[in-house]
PDB file of N, CA and C in Angstrom:
ATOM      1  N   UNK A   1       8.329   5.560  -1.411  1.00  0.00           N
ATOM      2  CA  UNK A   1       8.707   6.134  -2.694  1.00  0.00           C
ATOM      3  C   UNK A   1       7.422   6.408  -3.463  1.00  0.00           C
ATOM      4  N   UNK A   2       7.293   7.604  -3.915  1.00  0.00           N
ATOM      5  CA  UNK A   2       6.083   8.069  -4.577  1.00  0.00           C
ATOM      6  C   UNK A   2       6.079   7.702  -6.067  1.00  0.00           C
ATOM      7  N   UNK A   3       4.968   7.169  -6.552  1.00  0.00           N
ATOM      8  CA  UNK A   3       4.768   6.952  -7.988  1.00  0.00           C
ATOM      9  C   UNK A   3       4.168   8.239  -8.543  1.00  0.00           C
ATOM     10  N   UNK A   4       4.636   8.649  -9.694  1.00  0.00           N
ATOM     11  CA  UNK A   4       4.191   9.941 -10.214  1.00  0.00           C
ATOM     12  C   UNK A   4       3.801   9.823 -11.678  1.00  0.00           C
ATOM     13  N   UNK A   5       2.683  10.453 -12.003  1.00  0.00           N
ATOM     14  CA  UNK A   5       2.219  10.532 -13.380  1.00  0.00           C
ATOM     15  C   UNK A   5       2.278  11.973 -13.854  1.00  0.00           C
ATOM     16  N   UNK A   6       1.913  12.227 -15.097  1.00  0.00           N
ATOM     17  CA  UNK A   6       2.022  13.577 -15.670  1.00  0.00           C
ATOM     18  C   UNK A   6       1.263  14.654 -14.901  1.00  0.00           C
ATOM     19  N   UNK A   7       0.040  14.343 -14.458  1.00  0.00           N
ATOM     20  CA  UNK A   7      -0.744  15.377 -13.772  1.00  0.00           C
ATOM     21  C   UNK A   7      -0.111  15.779 -12.450  1.00  0.00           C
ATOM     22  N   UNK A   8       0.288  14.798 -11.652  1.00  0.00           N
ATOM     23  CA  UNK A   8       0.924  15.108 -10.363  1.00  0.00           C
ATOM     24  C   UNK A   8       2.265  15.800 -10.587  1.00  0.00           C
ATOM     25  N   UNK A   9       2.962  15.380 -11.608  1.00  0.00           N
ATOM     26  CA  UNK A   9       4.267  15.975 -11.896  1.00  0.00           C
ATOM     27  C   UNK A   9       4.124  17.457 -12.201  1.00  0.00           C
ATOM     28  N   UNK A  10       3.220  17.790 -13.101  1.00  0.00           N
ATOM     29  CA  UNK A  10       3.043  19.193 -13.482  1.00  0.00           C
ATOM     30  C   UNK A  10       2.354  20.000 -12.406  1.00  0.00           C
ATOM     31  N   UNK A  11       1.560  19.348 -11.609  1.00  0.00           N
ATOM     32  CA  UNK A  11       0.832  20.056 -10.566  1.00  0.00           C
ATOM     33  C   UNK A  11       1.694  20.317  -9.358  1.00  0.00           C
ATOM     34  N   UNK A  12       1.597  19.443  -8.411  1.00  0.00           N
ATOM     35  CA  UNK A  12       2.242  19.626  -7.119  1.00  0.00           C
ATOM     36  C   UNK A  12       3.763  19.580  -7.179  1.00  0.00           C
ATOM     37  N   UNK A  13       4.325  18.640  -7.886  1.00  0.00           N
ATOM     38  CA  UNK A  13       5.767  18.413  -7.802  1.00  0.00           C
ATOM     39  C   UNK A  13       6.601  19.559  -8.368  1.00  0.00           C
ATOM     40  N   UNK A  14       6.218  20.096  -9.504  1.00  0.00           N
ATOM     41  CA  UNK A  14       7.038  21.170 -10.083  1.00  0.00           C
ATOM     42  C   UNK A  14       7.010  22.429  -9.236  1.00  0.00           C
ATOM     43  N   UNK A  15       5.956  22.598  -8.464  1.00  0.00           N
ATOM     44  CA  UNK A  15       5.869  23.791  -7.614  1.00  0.00           C
ATOM     45  C   UNK A  15       6.534  23.593  -6.250  1.00  0.00           C
ATOM     46  N   UNK A  16       6.863  22.360  -5.909  1.00  0.00           N
ATOM     47  CA  UNK A  16       7.463  22.090  -4.606  1.00  0.00           C
ATOM     48  C   UNK A  16       8.914  22.584  -4.600  1.00  0.00           C
ATOM     49  N   UNK A  17       9.291  23.374  -3.605  1.00  0.00           N
ATOM     50  CA  UNK A  17      10.671  23.874  -3.560  1.00  0.00           C
ATOM     51  C   UNK A  17      11.652  22.774  -3.166  1.00  0.00           C
ATOM     52  N   UNK A  18      12.911  23.009  -3.472  1.00  0.00           N
ATOM     53  CA  UNK A  18      13.954  22.072  -3.093  1.00  0.00           C
ATOM     54  C   UNK A  18      14.255  21.056  -4.178  1.00  0.00           C
ATOM     55  N   UNK A  19      15.123  20.108  -3.843  1.00  0.00           N
ATOM     56  CA  UNK A  19      15.582  19.109  -4.806  1.00  0.00           C
ATOM     57  C   UNK A  19      14.852  17.794  -4.602  1.00  0.00           C
ATOM     58  N   UNK A  20      14.622  17.095  -5.694  1.00  0.00           N
ATOM     59  CA  UNK A  20      14.017  15.768  -5.648  1.00  0.00           C
ATOM     60  C   UNK A  20      14.457  14.970  -6.868  1.00  0.00           C
ATOM     61  N   UNK A  21      14.427  13.666  -6.723  1.00  0.00           N
ATOM     62  CA  UNK A  21      14.876  12.743  -7.768  1.00  0.00           C
ATOM     63  C   UNK A  21      13.667  12.044  -8.377  1.00  0.00           C
ATOM     64  N   UNK A  22      13.696  11.897  -9.692  1.00  0.00           N
ATOM     65  CA  UNK A  22      12.704  11.069 -10.381  1.00  0.00           C
ATOM     66  C   UNK A  22      13.458   9.946 -11.076  1.00  0.00           C
ATOM     67  N   UNK A  23      13.086   8.721 -10.751  1.00  0.00           N
ATOM     68  CA  UNK A  23      13.638   7.552 -11.420  1.00  0.00           C
ATOM     69  C   UNK A  23      12.661   7.069 -12.473  1.00  0.00           C
ATOM     70  N   UNK A  24      13.117   6.934 -13.685  1.00  0.00           N
ATOM     71  CA  UNK A  24      12.300   6.389 -14.768  1.00  0.00           C
ATOM     72  C   UNK A  24      12.639   4.911 -14.884  1.00  0.00           C
ATOM     73  N   UNK A  25      11.666   4.058 -14.554  1.00  0.00           N
ATOM     74  CA  UNK A  25      11.880   2.620 -14.467  1.00  0.00           C
ATOM     75  C   UNK A  25      10.836   1.861 -15.279  1.00  0.00           C
ATOM     76  N   UNK A  26      11.138   0.609 -15.596  1.00  0.00           N
ATOM     77  CA  UNK A  26      10.189  -0.274 -16.281  1.00  0.00           C
ATOM     78  C   UNK A  26      10.196  -1.623 -15.567  1.00  0.00           C
ATOM     79  N   UNK A  27       9.013  -2.182 -15.341  1.00  0.00           N
ATOM     80  CA  UNK A  27       8.895  -3.453 -14.625  1.00  0.00           C
ATOM     81  C   UNK A  27       9.642  -4.591 -15.312  1.00  0.00           C
ATOM     82  N   UNK A  28       9.696  -4.556 -16.629  1.00  0.00           N
ATOM     83  CA  UNK A  28      10.315  -5.644 -17.388  1.00  0.00           C
ATOM     84  C   UNK A  28      11.841  -5.558 -17.424  1.00  0.00           C
ATOM     85  N   UNK A  29      12.397  -4.473 -16.949  1.00  0.00           N
ATOM     86  CA  UNK A  29      13.840  -4.216 -17.063  1.00  0.00           C
ATOM     87  C   UNK A  29      14.597  -4.776 -15.843  1.00  0.00           C
ATOM     88  N   UNK A  30      15.498  -5.749 -16.045  1.00  0.00           N
ATOM     89  CA  UNK A  30      16.238  -6.284 -14.902  1.00  0.00           C
ATOM     90  C   UNK A  30      17.141  -5.241 -14.235  1.00  0.00           C
ATOM     91  N   UNK A  31      17.659  -4.293 -14.997  1.00  0.00           N
ATOM     92  CA  UNK A  31      18.500  -3.247 -14.416  1.00  0.00           C
ATOM     93  C   UNK A  31      17.673  -2.321 -13.532  1.00  0.00           C
ATOM     94  N   UNK A  32      16.428  -2.074 -13.933  1.00  0.00           N
ATOM     95  CA  UNK A  32      15.531  -1.245 -13.121  1.00  0.00           C
ATOM     96  C   UNK A  32      15.181  -1.958 -11.819  1.00  0.00           C
ATOM     97  N   UNK A  33      14.898  -3.254 -11.907  1.00  0.00           N
ATOM     98  CA  UNK A  33      14.574  -4.023 -10.699  1.00  0.00           C
ATOM     99  C   UNK A  33      15.759  -4.029  -9.733  1.00  0.00           C
ATOM    100  N   UNK A  34      16.960  -4.044 -10.256  1.00  0.00           N
ATOM    101  CA  UNK A  34      18.149  -4.006  -9.399  1.00  0.00           C
ATOM    102  C   UNK A  34      18.390  -2.606  -8.825  1.00  0.00           C
ATOM    103  N   UNK A  35      18.008  -1.570  -9.556  1.00  0.00           N
ATOM    104  CA  UNK A  35      18.257  -0.187  -9.140  1.00  0.00           C
ATOM    105  C   UNK A  35      17.169   0.341  -8.195  1.00  0.00           C
ATOM    106  N   UNK A  36      15.949  -0.161  -8.317  1.00  0.00           N
ATOM    107  CA  UNK A  36      14.819   0.330  -7.514  1.00  0.00           C
ATOM    108  C   UNK A  36      15.095   0.302  -6.011  1.00  0.00           C
ATOM    109  N   UNK A  37      15.702  -0.762  -5.453  1.00  0.00           N
ATOM    110  CA  UNK A  37      15.981  -0.741  -4.004  1.00  0.00           C
ATOM    111  C   UNK A  37      16.913   0.393  -3.583  1.00  0.00           C
ATOM    112  N   UNK A  38      17.799   0.812  -4.465  1.00  0.00           N
ATOM    113  CA  UNK A  38      18.678   1.953  -4.151  1.00  0.00           C
ATOM    114  C   UNK A  38      17.849   3.230  -4.013  1.00  0.00           C
ATOM    115  N   UNK A  39      16.890   3.403  -4.913  1.00  0.00           N
ATOM    116  CA  UNK A  39      16.003   4.573  -4.821  1.00  0.00           C
ATOM    117  C   UNK A  39      15.141   4.494  -3.560  1.00  0.00           C
ATOM    118  N   UNK A  40      14.651   3.297  -3.249  1.00  0.00           N
ATOM    119  CA  UNK A  40      13.836   3.124  -2.047  1.00  0.00           C
ATOM    120  C   UNK A  40      14.642   3.461  -0.790  1.00  0.00           C
ATOM    121  N   UNK A  41      15.894   3.043  -0.755  1.00  0.00           N
ATOM    122  CA  UNK A  41      16.746   3.353   0.401  1.00  0.00           C
ATOM    123  C   UNK A  41      16.953   4.856   0.532  1.00  0.00           C
ATOM    124  N   UNK A  42      17.096   5.524  -0.583  1.00  0.00           N
ATOM    125  CA  UNK A  42      17.252   6.975  -0.575  1.00  0.00           C
ATOM    126  C   UNK A  42      15.991   7.641  -0.024  1.00  0.00           C
ATOM    127  N   UNK A  43      14.830   7.133  -0.432  1.00  0.00           N
ATOM    128  CA  UNK A  43      13.561   7.670   0.079  1.00  0.00           C
ATOM    129  C   UNK A  43      13.436   7.423   1.582  1.00  0.00           C
ATOM    130  N   UNK A  44      13.821   6.229   2.027  1.00  0.00           N
ATOM    131  CA  UNK A  44      13.754   5.920   3.461  1.00  0.00           C
ATOM    132  C   UNK A  44      14.709   6.776   4.272  1.00  0.00           C
ATOM    133  N   UNK A  45      15.768   7.252   3.630  1.00  0.00           N
ATOM    134  CA  UNK A  45      16.732   8.123   4.308  1.00  0.00           C
ATOM    135  C   UNK A  45      16.251   9.571   4.355  1.00  0.00           C
ATOM    136  N   UNK A  46      15.049   9.823   3.850  1.00  0.00           N
ATOM    137  CA  UNK A  46      14.470  11.153   3.944  1.00  0.00           C
ATOM    138  C   UNK A  46      14.581  12.010   2.703  1.00  0.00           C
ATOM    139  N   UNK A  47      15.148  11.482   1.634  1.00  0.00           N
ATOM    140  CA  UNK A  47      15.231  12.240   0.383  1.00  0.00           C
ATOM    141  C   UNK A  47      13.894  12.185  -0.337  1.00  0.00           C
ATOM    142  N   UNK A  48      13.629  13.180  -1.142  1.00  0.00           N
ATOM    143  CA  UNK A  48      12.394  13.236  -1.920  1.00  0.00           C
ATOM    144  C   UNK A  48      12.614  12.477  -3.226  1.00  0.00           C
ATOM    145  N   UNK A  49      11.946  11.328  -3.358  1.00  0.00           N
ATOM    146  CA  UNK A  49      12.133  10.440  -4.502  1.00  0.00           C
ATOM    147  C   UNK A  49      10.780  10.093  -5.101  1.00  0.00           C
ATOM    148  N   UNK A  50      10.700  10.162  -6.422  1.00  0.00           N
ATOM    149  CA  UNK A  50       9.499   9.744  -7.142  1.00  0.00           C
ATOM    150  C   UNK A  50       9.921   8.807  -8.265  1.00  0.00           C
ATOM    151  N   UNK A  51       8.977   7.957  -8.688  1.00  0.00           N
ATOM    152  CA  UNK A  51       9.236   7.014  -9.767  1.00  0.00           C
ATOM    153  C   UNK A  51       8.173   7.182 -10.835  1.00  0.00           C
ATOM    154  N   UNK A  52       8.616   7.258 -12.087  1.00  0.00           N
ATOM    155  CA  UNK A  52       7.713   7.274 -13.237  1.00  0.00           C
ATOM    156  C   UNK A  52       7.918   5.950 -13.971  1.00  0.00           C
ATOM    157  N   UNK A  53       6.934   5.063 -13.849  1.00  0.00           N
ATOM    158  CA  UNK A  53       7.014   3.763 -14.511  1.00  0.00           C
ATOM    159  C   UNK A  53       6.685   3.897 -15.984  1.00  0.00           C
ATOM    160  N   UNK A  54       7.218   2.980 -16.768  1.00  0.00           N
ATOM    161  CA  UNK A  54       6.909   2.949 -18.193  1.00  0.00           C
ATOM    162  C   UNK A  54       5.544   2.295 -18.367  1.00  0.00           C
ATOM    163  N   UNK A  55       4.517   3.139 -18.429  1.00  0.00           N
ATOM    164  CA  UNK A  55       3.150   2.691 -18.674  1.00  0.00           C
ATOM    165  C   UNK A  55       2.538   3.658 -19.672  1.00  0.00           C
ATOM    166  N   UNK A  56       1.425   3.252 -20.264  1.00  0.00           N
ATOM    167  CA  UNK A  56       0.737   4.155 -21.193  1.00  0.00           C
ATOM    168  C   UNK A  56       0.361   5.455 -20.503  1.00  0.00           C
ATOM    169  N   UNK A  57      -0.030   5.369 -19.238  1.00  0.00           N
ATOM    170  CA  UNK A  57      -0.463   6.540 -18.488  1.00  0.00           C
ATOM    171  C   UNK A  57       0.678   7.515 -18.232  1.00  0.00           C
ATOM    172  N   UNK A  58       1.855   6.991 -17.997  1.00  0.00           N
ATOM    173  CA  UNK A  58       2.972   7.838 -17.639  1.00  0.00           C
ATOM    174  C   UNK A  58       3.933   8.110 -18.787  1.00  0.00           C
ATOM    175  N   UNK A  59       3.686   7.543 -19.961  1.00  0.00           N
ATOM    176  CA  UNK A  59       4.605   7.723 -21.087  1.00  0.00           C
ATOM    177  C   UNK A  59       4.783   9.178 -21.517  1.00  0.00           C
ATOM    178  N   UNK A  60       3.806  10.071 -21.322  1.00  0.00           N
ATOM    179  CA  UNK A  60       4.088  11.469 -21.674  1.00  0.00           C
ATOM    180  C   UNK A  60       5.286  12.056 -20.935  1.00  0.00           C
ATOM    181  N   UNK A  61       5.524  11.636 -19.706  1.00  0.00           N
ATOM    182  CA  UNK A  61       6.712  12.106 -18.984  1.00  0.00           C
ATOM    183  C   UNK A  61       7.979  11.585 -19.645  1.00  0.00           C
ATOM    184  N   UNK A  62       7.945  10.346 -20.085  1.00  0.00           N
ATOM    185  CA  UNK A  62       9.104   9.759 -20.755  1.00  0.00           C
ATOM    186  C   UNK A  62       9.416  10.538 -22.024  1.00  0.00           C
ATOM    187  N   UNK A  63       8.371  10.833 -22.791  1.00  0.00           N
ATOM    188  CA  UNK A  63       8.560  11.581 -24.041  1.00  0.00           C
ATOM    189  C   UNK A  63       9.043  12.996 -23.755  1.00  0.00           C
ATOM    190  N   UNK A  64       8.460  13.627 -22.780  1.00  0.00           N
ATOM    191  CA  UNK A  64       8.801  15.004 -22.439  1.00  0.00           C
ATOM    192  C   UNK A  64      10.280  15.169 -22.101  1.00  0.00           C
ATOM    193  N   UNK A  65      10.833  14.189 -21.385  1.00  0.00           N
ATOM    194  CA  UNK A  65      12.231  14.288 -20.967  1.00  0.00           C
ATOM    195  C   UNK A  65      13.167  13.434 -21.820  1.00  0.00           C
ATOM    196  N   UNK A  66      12.668  12.898 -22.908  1.00  0.00           N
ATOM    197  CA  UNK A  66      13.502  12.162 -23.851  1.00  0.00           C
ATOM    198  C   UNK A  66      14.143  10.917 -23.268  1.00  0.00           C
ATOM    199  N   UNK A  67      13.428  10.228 -22.408  1.00  0.00           N
ATOM    200  CA  UNK A  67      13.968   9.012 -21.793  1.00  0.00           C
ATOM    201  C   UNK A  67      13.857   7.873 -22.796  1.00  0.00           C
ATOM    202  N   UNK A  68      15.015   7.340 -23.166  1.00  0.00           N
ATOM    203  CA  UNK A  68      15.053   6.245 -24.132  1.00  0.00           C
ATOM    204  C   UNK A  68      15.704   4.989 -23.567  1.00  0.00           C
ATOM    205  N   UNK A  69      16.453   5.131 -22.486  1.00  0.00           N
ATOM    206  CA  UNK A  69      17.139   4.004 -21.865  1.00  0.00           C
ATOM    207  C   UNK A  69      16.739   3.977 -20.392  1.00  0.00           C
ATOM    208  N   UNK A  70      16.439   2.789 -19.891  1.00  0.00           N
ATOM    209  CA  UNK A  70      16.094   2.665 -18.481  1.00  0.00           C
ATOM    210  C   UNK A  70      17.144   1.842 -17.767  1.00  0.00           C
ATOM    211  N   UNK A  71      17.354   2.128 -16.495  1.00  0.00           N
ATOM    212  CA  UNK A  71      16.784   3.239 -15.750  1.00  0.00           C
ATOM    213  C   UNK A  71      17.457   4.562 -16.108  1.00  0.00           C
ATOM    214  N   UNK A  72      16.721   5.628 -15.913  1.00  0.00           N
ATOM    215  CA  UNK A  72      17.240   6.988 -16.039  1.00  0.00           C
ATOM    216  C   UNK A  72      16.846   7.738 -14.773  1.00  0.00           C
ATOM    217  N   UNK A  73      17.739   8.599 -14.301  1.00  0.00           N
ATOM    218  CA  UNK A  73      17.482   9.383 -13.097  1.00  0.00           C
ATOM    219  C   UNK A  73      17.644  10.859 -13.433  1.00  0.00           C
ATOM    220  N   UNK A  74      16.661  11.652 -13.022  1.00  0.00           N
ATOM    221  CA  UNK A  74      16.729  13.109 -13.159  1.00  0.00           C
ATOM    222  C   UNK A  74      16.627  13.720 -11.767  1.00  0.00           C
ATOM    223  N   UNK A  75      17.397  14.766 -11.527  1.00  0.00           N
ATOM    224  CA  UNK A  75      17.279  15.535 -10.290  1.00  0.00           C
ATOM    225  C   UNK A  75      16.715  16.890 -10.664  1.00  0.00           C
ATOM    226  N   UNK A  76      15.673  17.279  -9.959  1.00  0.00           N
ATOM    227  CA  UNK A  76      15.020  18.574 -10.165  1.00  0.00           C
ATOM    228  C   UNK A  76      15.274  19.449  -8.956  1.00  0.00           C
ATOM    229  N   UNK A  77      15.442  20.713  -9.214  1.00  0.00           N
ATOM    230  CA  UNK A  77      15.500  21.709  -8.152  1.00  0.00           C
ATOM    231  C   UNK A  77      14.634  22.873  -8.592  1.00  0.00           C
ATOM    232  N   UNK A  78      13.654  23.172  -7.751  1.00  0.00           N
ATOM    233  CA  UNK A  78      12.738  24.283  -8.017  1.00  0.00           C
ATOM    234  C   UNK A  78      12.161  24.222  -9.431  1.00  0.00           C
ATOM    235  N   UNK A  79      11.805  23.011  -9.874  1.00  0.00           N
ATOM    236  CA  UNK A  79      11.114  22.842 -11.147  1.00  0.00           C
ATOM    237  C   UNK A  79      11.984  22.647 -12.370  1.00  0.00           C
ATOM    238  N   UNK A  80      13.306  22.716 -12.221  1.00  0.00           N
ATOM    239  CA  UNK A  80      14.201  22.568 -13.368  1.00  0.00           C
ATOM    240  C   UNK A  80      15.114  21.353 -13.198  1.00  0.00           C
ATOM    241  N   UNK A  81      15.452  20.705 -14.313  1.00  0.00           N
ATOM    242  CA  UNK A  81      16.392  19.585 -14.274  1.00  0.00           C
ATOM    243  C   UNK A  81      17.796  20.141 -14.037  1.00  0.00           C
ATOM    244  N   UNK A  82      18.456  19.636 -12.989  1.00  0.00           N
ATOM    245  CA  UNK A  82      19.819  20.072 -12.686  1.00  0.00           C
ATOM    246  C   UNK A  82      20.827  18.939 -12.843  1.00  0.00           C
ATOM    247  N   UNK A  83      20.339  17.722 -13.040  1.00  0.00           N
ATOM    248  CA  UNK A  83      21.225  16.566 -13.194  1.00  0.00           C
ATOM    249  C   UNK A  83      20.459  15.477 -13.940  1.00  0.00           C
ATOM    250  N   UNK A  84      21.182  14.758 -14.788  1.00  0.00           N
ATOM    251  CA  UNK A  84      20.578  13.644 -15.517  1.00  0.00           C
ATOM    252  C   UNK A  84      21.624  12.543 -15.668  1.00  0.00           C
ATOM    253  N   UNK A  85      21.195  11.324 -15.443  1.00  0.00           N
ATOM    254  CA  UNK A  85      22.060  10.172 -15.687  1.00  0.00           C
ATOM    255  C   UNK A  85      21.201   9.097 -16.352  1.00  0.00           C
ATOM    256  N   UNK A  86      21.535   8.790 -17.594  1.00  0.00           N
ATOM    257  CA  UNK A  86      20.843   7.744 -18.342  1.00  0.00           C
ATOM    258  C   UNK A  86      21.548   6.413 -18.114  1.00  0.00           C
ATOM    259  N   UNK A  87      20.744   5.354 -18.004  1.00  0.00           N
ATOM    260  CA  UNK A  87      21.315   4.024 -17.885  1.00  0.00           C
ATOM    261  C   UNK A  87      22.146   3.691 -19.115  1.00  0.00           C
ATOM    262  N   UNK A  88      23.151   2.893 -18.894  1.00  0.00           N
ATOM    263  CA  UNK A  88      23.991   2.451 -20.003  1.00  0.00           C
ATOM    264  C   UNK A  88      23.439   1.141 -20.536  1.00  0.00           C
ATOM    265  N   UNK A  89      23.356   1.037 -21.845  1.00  0.00           N
ATOM    266  CA  UNK A  89      22.835  -0.174 -22.457  1.00  0.00           C
ATOM    267  C   UNK A  89      23.612  -1.391 -21.961  1.00  0.00           C
ATOM    268  N   UNK A  90      22.866  -2.372 -21.497  1.00  0.00           N
ATOM    269  CA  UNK A  90      23.483  -3.595 -21.020  1.00  0.00           C
ATOM    270  C   UNK A  90      24.104  -3.511 -19.641  1.00  0.00           C
ATOM    271  N   UNK A  91      24.032  -2.323 -19.001  1.00  0.00           N
ATOM    272  CA  UNK A  91      24.652  -2.166 -17.674  1.00  0.00           C
ATOM    273  C   UNK A  91      23.754  -1.448 -16.674  1.00  0.00           C
ATOM    274  N   UNK A  92      22.821  -0.638 -17.138  1.00  0.00           N
ATOM    275  CA  UNK A  92      21.944   0.084 -16.231  1.00  0.00           C
ATOM    276  C   UNK A  92      22.656   1.185 -15.479  1.00  0.00           C
ATOM    277  N   UNK A  93      22.262   1.384 -14.222  1.00  0.00           N
ATOM    278  CA  UNK A  93      22.864   2.368 -13.325  1.00  0.00           C
ATOM    279  C   UNK A  93      23.285   1.660 -12.052  1.00  0.00           C
ATOM    280  N   UNK A  94      24.242   2.245 -11.350  1.00  0.00           N
ATOM    281  CA  UNK A  94      24.713   1.643 -10.110  1.00  0.00           C
ATOM    282  C   UNK A  94      24.863   2.662  -9.005  1.00  0.00           C
ATOM    283  N   UNK A  95      25.489   2.236  -7.933  1.00  0.00           N
ATOM    284  CA  UNK A  95      25.675   3.096  -6.759  1.00  0.00           C
ATOM    285  C   UNK A  95      26.401   4.395  -7.098  1.00  0.00           C
ATOM    286  N   UNK A  96      27.457   4.391  -7.920  1.00  0.00           N
ATOM    287  CA  UNK A  96      28.125   5.666  -8.232  1.00  0.00           C
ATOM    288  C   UNK A  96      27.201   6.670  -8.936  1.00  0.00           C
ATOM    289  N   UNK A  97      26.287   6.153  -9.739  1.00  0.00           N
ATOM    290  CA  UNK A  97      25.347   7.041 -10.432  1.00  0.00           C
ATOM    291  C   UNK A  97      24.391   7.697  -9.443  1.00  0.00           C
ATOM    292  N   UNK A  98      23.912   6.925  -8.496  1.00  0.00           N
ATOM    293  CA  UNK A  98      23.007   7.478  -7.498  1.00  0.00           C
ATOM    294  C   UNK A  98      23.749   8.433  -6.568  1.00  0.00           C
ATOM    295  N   UNK A  99      24.987   8.135  -6.259  1.00  0.00           N
ATOM    296  CA  UNK A  99      25.793   9.050  -5.437  1.00  0.00           C
ATOM    297  C   UNK A  99      25.995  10.384  -6.152  1.00  0.00           C
ATOM    298  N   UNK A 100      26.193  10.342  -7.465  1.00  0.00           N
ATOM    299  CA  UNK A 100      26.322  11.582  -8.234  1.00  0.00           C
ATOM    300  C   UNK A 100      25.018  12.369  -8.200  1.00  0.00           C
ATOM    301  N   UNK A 101      23.905  11.674  -8.273  1.00  0.00           N
ATOM    302  CA  UNK A 101      22.602  12.340  -8.179  1.00  0.00           C
ATOM    303  C   UNK A 101      22.413  12.983  -6.817  1.00  0.00           C
ATOM    304  N   UNK A 102      22.813  12.285  -5.767  1.00  0.00           N
ATOM    305  CA  UNK A 102      22.716  12.852  -4.418  1.00  0.00           C
ATOM    306  C   UNK A 102      23.575  14.095  -4.267  1.00  0.00           C
ATOM    307  N   UNK A 103      24.781  14.061  -4.839  1.00  0.00           N
ATOM    308  CA  UNK A 103      25.639  15.257  -4.791  1.00  0.00           C
ATOM    309  C   UNK A 103      24.981  16.418  -5.523  1.00  0.00           C
ATOM    310  N   UNK A 104      24.336  16.116  -6.637  1.00  0.00           N
ATOM    311  CA  UNK A 104      23.638  17.168  -7.395  1.00  0.00           C
ATOM    312  C   UNK A 104      22.495  17.747  -6.583  1.00  0.00           C
ATOM    313  N   UNK A 105      21.829  16.919  -5.804  1.00  0.00           N
ATOM    314  CA  UNK A 105      20.742  17.417  -4.945  1.00  0.00           C
ATOM    315  C   UNK A 105      21.288  18.384  -3.918  1.00  0.00           C
ATOM    316  N   UNK A 106      22.443  18.081  -3.395  1.00  0.00           N
ATOM    317  CA  UNK A 106      23.019  18.883  -2.308  1.00  0.00           C
ATOM    318  C   UNK A 106      23.650  20.173  -2.794  1.00  0.00           C
ATOM    319  N   UNK A 107      24.169  20.166  -4.040  1.00  0.00           N
ATOM    320  CA  UNK A 107      24.932  21.314  -4.487  1.00  0.00           C
ATOM    321  C   UNK A 107      24.236  22.192  -5.518  1.00  0.00           C
ATOM    322  N   UNK A 108      23.172  21.709  -6.089  1.00  0.00           N
ATOM    323  CA  UNK A 108      22.534  22.504  -7.146  1.00  0.00           C
ATOM    324  C   UNK A 108      21.604  23.543  -6.595  1.00  0.00           C
TER     325      UNK A 108
END
């Protein structure tokens, strides 16, 4: 699973064709720690997955996409957001949320 910062995001990733998922996660968030293995499994299955951690270096991506709750998942296709699922306060994200993201990758 690729870690991504603003420069790589705007450079290589936005120009890459096809669909890919970006998970916005924070190390301190228990819901993110529980959700990260789901993203890793998706990456191991051959899907294009990147993670933007909540750090000073990567916070411009968080601001750019208005991420206020973690975890949040965005699906991009050909440089545009085609799907978004924000974590629910006190609940995070689960398998159904990731399945919806996968469907968006396949159909968008």
